[in-house]
Amino acid sequence: MVRANIMRSAAVVTAVAAAGILATAGPASAAAASPSAVCGSGYSVIDSKDLGPAVIYLTYNSSNGYNCVTTILDSYDGGAMWMGSSIQKSGGSELKDYGGYTRFAGPVYVSAPDTCIKWGGGVQDVVWKSGWEHCS
């Protein structure tokens, strides 16, 4: 009986320690958000717009012709807030991702080689959208 209690106590201590490690891992991994981490390999930043607490990044992958937009917070405080990312190619519908996020909104993708695009995003009460650009 004593041995069983010791084993249960050890299991509880291990579980609590593991939970502590996992609880602290969240913000550290979230802090690693970057345009290339969010959009994926092969995407390079071609434009950005600073909104104050966040930056909207427009990236492009020359190997597949896709653009990607993501809005990334400058610093992580652990709380969710309204954020969004959007992109639209000429002649197409706006693609967007808006909601409550803790670190970034998006990614949103569109295939738009040799086509003009509008891109934008927002955080809290700040929203921005480009005109038609990046047409070549």
Protein backbone atom coordinates (compact mmCIF):
# COMPACT_ATOMS: atom_id res chain seq x y z
CA MET A 1 0.00 0.00 0.00
CA VAL A 2 2.82 2.43 0.89
CA ARG A 3 4.60 1.61 -2.36
CA ALA A 4 1.38 2.32 -4.34
CA ASN A 5 0.99 5.72 -2.61
CA ILE A 6 4.61 6.58 -3.40
CA MET A 7 4.08 5.63 -7.04
CA ARG A 8 0.89 7.74 -7.21
CA SER A 9 2.68 10.69 -5.58
CA ALA A 10 5.53 10.41 -8.08
CA ALA A 11 3.03 10.32 -10.94
CA VAL A 12 1.27 13.42 -9.61
CA VAL A 13 4.57 15.30 -9.23
CA THR A 14 5.56 14.31 -12.77
CA ALA A 15 2.19 15.40 -14.17
CA VAL A 16 2.31 18.74 -12.35
CA ALA A 17 5.86 19.37 -13.56
CA ALA A 18 4.90 18.47 -17.13
CA ALA A 19 1.86 20.76 -16.95
CA GLY A 20 4.10 23.60 -15.77
CA ILE A 21 6.45 23.06 -18.69
CA LEU A 22 3.57 22.96 -21.16
CA ALA A 23 1.96 26.05 -19.65
CA THR A 24 5.14 28.05 -20.08
CA ALA A 25 5.80 26.71 -23.59
CA GLY A 26 2.76 28.46 -25.11
CA PRO A 27 3.98 32.05 -25.14
CA ALA A 28 7.51 31.04 -26.09
CA SER A 29 6.34 29.19 -29.18
CA ALA A 30 3.83 31.93 -29.99
CA ALA A 31 6.62 34.50 -29.80
CA ALA A 32 8.29 32.71 -32.73
CA ALA A 33 5.58 33.91 -35.15
CA SER A 34 7.09 35.46 -38.27
CA PRO A 35 5.79 35.90 -41.81
CA SER A 36 7.79 32.91 -43.06
CA ALA A 37 6.72 30.75 -40.11
CA VAL A 38 3.04 31.61 -40.63
CA CYS A 39 2.92 31.49 -44.46
CA GLY A 40 5.41 28.66 -44.95
CA SER A 41 8.72 28.04 -46.61
CA GLY A 42 9.40 29.80 -49.89
CA TYR A 43 7.43 32.95 -48.97
CA SER A 44 9.37 36.23 -48.86
CA VAL A 45 8.12 39.56 -47.52
CA ILE A 46 7.45 41.98 -50.39
CA ASP A 47 5.49 44.62 -48.45
CA SER A 48 4.29 45.45 -44.95
CA LYS A 49 2.12 47.93 -43.09
CA ASP A 50 2.76 48.85 -39.45
CA LEU A 51 -0.50 49.25 -37.51
CA GLY A 52 1.11 50.06 -34.15
CA PRO A 53 0.46 46.94 -32.06
CA ALA A 54 0.78 44.67 -35.13
CA VAL A 55 2.25 44.53 -38.63
CA ILE A 56 0.49 43.24 -41.75
CA TYR A 57 2.88 41.32 -43.99
CA LEU A 58 2.40 40.62 -47.69
CA THR A 59 4.58 37.75 -48.87
CA TYR A 60 5.09 36.08 -52.24
CA ASN A 61 6.25 32.64 -53.28
CA SER A 62 7.84 32.88 -56.73
CA SER A 63 7.86 29.10 -57.20
CA ASN A 64 4.07 28.72 -57.00
CA GLY A 65 2.78 32.27 -57.75
CA TYR A 66 0.88 32.62 -54.47
CA ASN A 67 0.71 35.66 -52.22
CA CYS A 68 0.12 35.27 -48.49
CA VAL A 69 -1.04 37.87 -45.95
CA THR A 70 -0.70 37.61 -42.19
CA THR A 71 -1.12 40.17 -39.41
CA ILE A 72 1.31 39.57 -36.53
CA LEU A 73 1.28 41.22 -33.11
CA ASP A 74 4.53 42.94 -32.10
CA SER A 75 4.39 41.47 -28.59
CA TYR A 76 2.46 38.64 -27.01
CA ASP A 77 0.52 39.30 -23.80
CA GLY A 78 -1.47 36.08 -23.70
CA GLY A 79 -4.92 37.55 -24.32
CA ALA A 80 -7.00 37.17 -27.46
CA MET A 81 -7.97 40.27 -29.41
CA TRP A 82 -9.71 41.04 -32.69
CA MET A 83 -7.32 40.72 -35.62
CA GLY A 84 -7.64 40.11 -39.32
CA SER A 85 -5.88 39.56 -42.64
CA SER A 86 -7.31 39.84 -46.16
CA ILE A 87 -6.28 39.59 -49.80
CA GLN A 88 -8.07 39.95 -53.11
CA LYS A 89 -6.86 39.54 -56.67
CA SER A 90 -8.25 41.62 -59.52
CA GLY A 91 -11.52 40.05 -60.65
CA GLY A 92 -11.72 37.81 -57.58
CA SER A 93 -13.46 37.76 -54.21
CA GLU A 94 -11.85 39.00 -51.02
CA LEU A 95 -10.37 36.18 -48.95
CA LYS A 96 -10.12 36.98 -45.25
CA ASP A 97 -9.49 35.65 -41.80
CA TYR A 98 -10.92 37.82 -39.02
CA GLY A 99 -11.51 36.79 -35.41
CA GLY A 100 -10.13 36.67 -31.90
CA TYR A 101 -6.44 35.71 -31.94
CA THR A 102 -3.56 35.80 -29.47
CA ARG A 103 -0.57 36.20 -31.82
CA PHE A 104 -1.51 36.41 -35.53
CA ALA A 105 -4.37 36.36 -38.02
CA GLY A 106 -4.17 34.48 -41.26
CA PRO A 107 -2.57 33.21 -43.29
CA VAL A 108 -4.73 33.95 -46.31
CA TYR A 109 -3.48 32.93 -49.77
CA VAL A 110 -4.30 33.80 -53.35
CA SER A 111 -2.71 32.78 -56.63
CA ALA A 112 -2.11 36.07 -58.42
CA PRO A 113 0.87 35.99 -60.77
CA ASP A 114 0.81 38.99 -63.12
CA THR A 115 -2.42 40.23 -61.46
CA CYS A 116 -3.07 43.25 -59.23
CA ILE A 117 -4.00 42.59 -55.62
CA LYS A 118 -5.46 44.43 -52.64
CA TRP A 119 -4.24 43.31 -49.26
CA GLY A 120 -4.81 44.42 -45.69
CA GLY A 121 -5.71 43.59 -42.16
CA GLY A 122 -6.42 44.96 -38.76
CA VAL A 123 -5.92 44.75 -35.03
CA GLN A 124 -8.34 46.02 -32.39
CA ASP A 125 -9.86 49.19 -33.87
CA VAL A 126 -7.17 49.84 -36.52
CA VAL A 127 -7.96 48.54 -40.03
CA TRP A 128 -6.00 49.15 -43.23
CA LYS A 129 -6.37 48.02 -46.86
CA SER A 130 -4.18 48.81 -49.85
CA GLY A 131 -5.31 49.98 -53.22
CA TRP A 132 -4.71 47.82 -56.30
CA GLU A 133 -0.97 47.18 -56.42
CA HIS A 134 1.83 44.65 -57.03
CA CYS A 135 0.46 44.18 -60.50
CA SER A 136 3.45 42.55 -62.16
